[in-house]
Amino acid sequence: MTTAATVFGHLPLVFAHGPGAGARNSIGITLVSGMVIGTVFTLFVVPAVYMLVAGAHERAVAREEVPEAAVVEGAAAVS
């Protein structure tokens, strides 16, 4: 919601005309594209990478490929 408000708030900079429009256009395009790219990464890329890492961790735990130091610490905690 905040991203949408920011993007729509900066759209007038993207479509500016008249004196100084070149500077406004470049600032607007930078702001809008940065917000869109950041949102895409936050909504899609980060969760996808998390799922990959979590899946690999679950498979390693299922095969009991736990580092030896963790096993020793776990045994000490149980004793």
N, C-alpha and C. Protein backbone atom coordinates (compact mmCIF):
# COMPACT_ATOMS: atom_id res chain seq x y z
N MET A 1 0.82 -1.17 0.00
CA MET A 1 0.00 0.00 0.00
C MET A 1 0.88 1.26 0.00
N THR A 2 1.90 1.26 0.83
CA THR A 2 2.81 2.41 0.89
C THR A 2 3.57 2.55 -0.41
N THR A 3 3.97 1.42 -0.99
CA THR A 3 4.69 1.47 -2.26
C THR A 3 3.80 2.04 -3.35
N ALA A 4 2.56 1.61 -3.39
CA ALA A 4 1.64 2.13 -4.41
C ALA A 4 1.45 3.63 -4.25
N ALA A 5 1.30 4.10 -3.02
CA ALA A 5 1.14 5.53 -2.79
C ALA A 5 2.37 6.30 -3.23
N THR A 6 3.54 5.75 -2.95
CA THR A 6 4.78 6.41 -3.35
C THR A 6 4.92 6.46 -4.87
N VAL A 7 4.63 5.35 -5.51
CA VAL A 7 4.74 5.30 -6.98
C VAL A 7 3.75 6.26 -7.61
N PHE A 8 2.51 6.24 -7.18
CA PHE A 8 1.52 7.15 -7.77
C PHE A 8 1.81 8.60 -7.43
N GLY A 9 2.42 8.85 -6.29
CA GLY A 9 2.79 10.20 -5.93
C GLY A 9 3.92 10.76 -6.77
N HIS A 10 4.79 9.87 -7.27
CA HIS A 10 5.91 10.31 -8.09
C HIS A 10 5.63 10.28 -9.59
N LEU A 11 4.50 9.76 -9.99
CA LEU A 11 4.17 9.71 -11.42
C LEU A 11 4.11 11.09 -12.08
N PRO A 12 3.64 12.13 -11.40
CA PRO A 12 3.68 13.45 -12.05
C PRO A 12 5.10 13.89 -12.43
N LEU A 13 6.09 13.44 -11.67
CA LEU A 13 7.47 13.75 -12.04
C LEU A 13 7.87 13.06 -13.34
N VAL A 14 7.36 11.85 -13.53
CA VAL A 14 7.70 11.09 -14.74
C VAL A 14 7.09 11.76 -15.97
N PHE A 15 5.88 12.29 -15.84
CA PHE A 15 5.18 12.86 -16.99
C PHE A 15 5.25 14.39 -17.05
N ALA A 16 6.21 14.99 -16.36
CA ALA A 16 6.34 16.45 -16.32
C ALA A 16 6.70 17.01 -17.69
N HIS A 17 6.21 18.22 -17.97
CA HIS A 17 6.52 18.93 -19.21
C HIS A 17 6.91 20.36 -18.84
N GLY A 18 7.60 21.02 -19.73
CA GLY A 18 7.94 22.42 -19.50
C GLY A 18 9.38 22.59 -19.04
N PRO A 19 9.68 23.79 -18.56
CA PRO A 19 11.05 24.08 -18.12
C PRO A 19 11.46 23.18 -16.95
N GLY A 20 12.61 22.60 -17.03
CA GLY A 20 13.11 21.72 -15.98
C GLY A 20 12.53 20.33 -16.01
N ALA A 21 11.81 19.99 -17.07
CA ALA A 21 11.15 18.68 -17.13
C ALA A 21 12.17 17.55 -17.23
N GLY A 22 13.30 17.80 -17.84
CA GLY A 22 14.31 16.75 -17.97
C GLY A 22 14.80 16.27 -16.62
N ALA A 23 15.06 17.20 -15.72
CA ALA A 23 15.50 16.83 -14.37
C ALA A 23 14.39 16.12 -13.61
N ARG A 24 13.19 16.64 -13.73
CA ARG A 24 12.07 16.00 -13.03
C ARG A 24 11.81 14.60 -13.56
N ASN A 25 11.90 14.43 -14.87
CA ASN A 25 11.68 13.10 -15.47
C ASN A 25 12.70 12.09 -14.95
N SER A 26 13.96 12.48 -14.95
CA SER A 26 14.99 11.54 -14.51
C SER A 26 14.83 11.19 -13.03
N ILE A 27 14.49 12.17 -12.20
CA ILE A 27 14.26 11.88 -10.78
C ILE A 27 13.04 10.98 -10.61
N GLY A 28 11.96 11.28 -11.33
CA GLY A 28 10.74 10.48 -11.22
C GLY A 28 10.94 9.05 -11.68
N ILE A 29 11.64 8.88 -12.80
CA ILE A 29 11.89 7.53 -13.32
C ILE A 29 12.74 6.74 -12.34
N THR A 30 13.74 7.39 -11.76
CA THR A 30 14.59 6.71 -10.78
C THR A 30 13.80 6.28 -9.55
N LEU A 31 12.98 7.18 -9.04
CA LEU A 31 12.19 6.85 -7.84
C LEU A 31 11.17 5.75 -8.11
N VAL A 32 10.44 5.87 -9.19
CA VAL A 32 9.39 4.89 -9.50
C VAL A 32 10.00 3.53 -9.80
N SER A 33 11.04 3.49 -10.63
CA SER A 33 11.64 2.19 -10.95
C SER A 33 12.29 1.56 -9.72
N GLY A 34 12.90 2.36 -8.86
CA GLY A 34 13.49 1.82 -7.63
C GLY A 34 12.45 1.22 -6.72
N MET A 35 11.33 1.89 -6.57
CA MET A 35 10.26 1.35 -5.73
C MET A 35 9.67 0.07 -6.31
N VAL A 36 9.48 0.04 -7.62
CA VAL A 36 8.92 -1.15 -8.26
C VAL A 36 9.89 -2.33 -8.14
N ILE A 37 11.16 -2.09 -8.41
CA ILE A 37 12.15 -3.17 -8.31
C ILE A 37 12.27 -3.66 -6.87
N GLY A 38 12.29 -2.74 -5.91
CA GLY A 38 12.36 -3.13 -4.50
C GLY A 38 11.15 -3.94 -4.08
N THR A 39 9.99 -3.57 -4.55
CA THR A 39 8.78 -4.31 -4.21
C THR A 39 8.78 -5.71 -4.81
N VAL A 40 9.20 -5.82 -6.06
CA VAL A 40 9.27 -7.14 -6.70
C VAL A 40 10.23 -8.05 -5.95
N PHE A 41 11.40 -7.51 -5.57
CA PHE A 41 12.34 -8.33 -4.81
C PHE A 41 11.75 -8.74 -3.47
N THR A 42 11.10 -7.81 -2.79
CA THR A 42 10.54 -8.11 -1.47
C THR A 42 9.42 -9.13 -1.54
N LEU A 43 8.57 -9.04 -2.56
CA LEU A 43 7.42 -9.92 -2.63
C LEU A 43 7.70 -11.28 -3.27
N PHE A 44 8.68 -11.35 -4.17
CA PHE A 44 8.88 -12.58 -4.92
C PHE A 44 10.26 -13.21 -4.74
N VAL A 45 11.32 -12.44 -4.84
CA VAL A 45 12.67 -13.00 -4.82
C VAL A 45 13.06 -13.47 -3.43
N VAL A 46 12.86 -12.65 -2.41
CA VAL A 46 13.25 -13.03 -1.05
C VAL A 46 12.49 -14.27 -0.58
N PRO A 47 11.17 -14.36 -0.75
CA PRO A 47 10.49 -15.60 -0.34
C PRO A 47 10.94 -16.83 -1.13
N ALA A 48 11.23 -16.66 -2.41
CA ALA A 48 11.69 -17.80 -3.22
C ALA A 48 13.05 -18.31 -2.72
N VAL A 49 13.95 -17.41 -2.43
CA VAL A 49 15.27 -17.82 -1.91
C VAL A 49 15.10 -18.46 -0.53
N TYR A 50 14.23 -17.90 0.30
CA TYR A 50 13.98 -18.49 1.61
C TYR A 50 13.46 -19.92 1.48
N MET A 51 12.53 -20.13 0.55
CA MET A 51 12.00 -21.48 0.36
C MET A 51 13.08 -22.46 -0.09
N LEU A 52 13.98 -22.01 -0.95
CA LEU A 52 15.08 -22.87 -1.39
C LEU A 52 16.00 -23.24 -0.22
N VAL A 53 16.36 -22.25 0.57
CA VAL A 53 17.25 -22.50 1.69
C VAL A 53 16.57 -23.36 2.75
N ALA A 54 15.31 -23.08 3.04
CA ALA A 54 14.58 -23.86 4.04
C ALA A 54 14.41 -25.31 3.58
N GLY A 55 14.15 -25.51 2.29
CA GLY A 55 14.00 -26.86 1.77
C GLY A 55 15.30 -27.64 1.87
N ALA A 56 16.42 -26.99 1.55
CA ALA A 56 17.71 -27.65 1.65
C ALA A 56 18.03 -27.99 3.11
N HIS A 57 17.67 -27.11 4.02
CA HIS A 57 17.91 -27.37 5.44
C HIS A 57 17.06 -28.53 5.94
N GLU A 58 15.80 -28.57 5.53
CA GLU A 58 14.93 -29.67 5.94
C GLU A 58 15.43 -31.01 5.42
N ARG A 59 15.91 -31.02 4.18
CA ARG A 59 16.44 -32.27 3.62
C ARG A 59 17.70 -32.70 4.37
N ALA A 60 18.55 -31.75 4.75
CA ALA A 60 19.77 -32.08 5.48
C ALA A 60 19.43 -32.62 6.87
N VAL A 61 18.45 -32.04 7.52
CA VAL A 61 18.04 -32.52 8.84
C VAL A 61 17.41 -33.91 8.72
N ALA A 62 16.63 -34.13 7.68
CA ALA A 62 15.99 -35.43 7.49
C ALA A 62 17.03 -36.53 7.27
N ARG A 63 18.14 -36.20 6.62
CA ARG A 63 19.22 -37.19 6.39
C ARG A 63 20.20 -37.19 7.55
N GLU A 64 19.91 -36.40 8.56
CA GLU A 64 20.76 -36.28 9.75
C GLU A 64 22.17 -35.83 9.39
N GLU A 65 22.26 -34.89 8.46
CA GLU A 65 23.55 -34.31 8.11
C GLU A 65 23.78 -33.06 8.96
N VAL A 66 23.79 -33.28 10.25
CA VAL A 66 23.99 -32.19 11.18
C VAL A 66 25.48 -32.11 11.49
N PRO A 67 26.07 -30.94 11.54
CA PRO A 67 27.50 -30.83 11.85
C PRO A 67 27.83 -31.50 13.17
N GLU A 68 29.03 -32.06 13.27
CA GLU A 68 29.44 -32.83 14.43
C GLU A 68 29.43 -31.98 15.71
N ALA A 69 29.76 -30.71 15.59
CA ALA A 69 29.77 -29.84 16.76
C ALA A 69 28.36 -29.70 17.33
N ALA A 70 27.37 -29.64 16.49
CA ALA A 70 25.99 -29.52 16.95
C ALA A 70 25.55 -30.78 17.67
N VAL A 71 26.02 -31.94 17.20
CA VAL A 71 25.68 -33.20 17.86
C VAL A 71 26.29 -33.26 19.23
N VAL A 72 27.54 -32.85 19.39
CA VAL A 72 28.22 -32.86 20.67
C VAL A 72 27.52 -31.91 21.63
N GLU A 73 27.16 -30.69 21.16
CA GLU A 73 26.48 -29.75 22.02
C GLU A 73 25.12 -30.29 22.43
N GLY A 74 24.42 -30.95 21.51
CA GLY A 74 23.12 -31.51 21.83
C GLY A 74 23.24 -32.63 22.86
N ALA A 75 24.28 -33.45 22.75
CA ALA A 75 24.48 -34.54 23.70
C ALA A 75 24.81 -33.98 25.10
N ALA A 76 25.57 -32.91 25.14
CA ALA A 76 25.91 -32.30 26.42
C ALA A 76 24.67 -31.70 27.07
N ALA A 77 23.79 -31.17 26.26
CA ALA A 77 22.57 -30.55 26.81
C ALA A 77 21.62 -31.62 27.35
N VAL A 78 21.62 -32.81 26.75
CA VAL A 78 20.73 -33.87 27.17
C VAL A 78 21.22 -34.49 28.48
N SER A 79 22.55 -34.57 28.66
CA SER A 79 23.12 -35.23 29.84
C SER A 79 22.81 -34.56 31.12
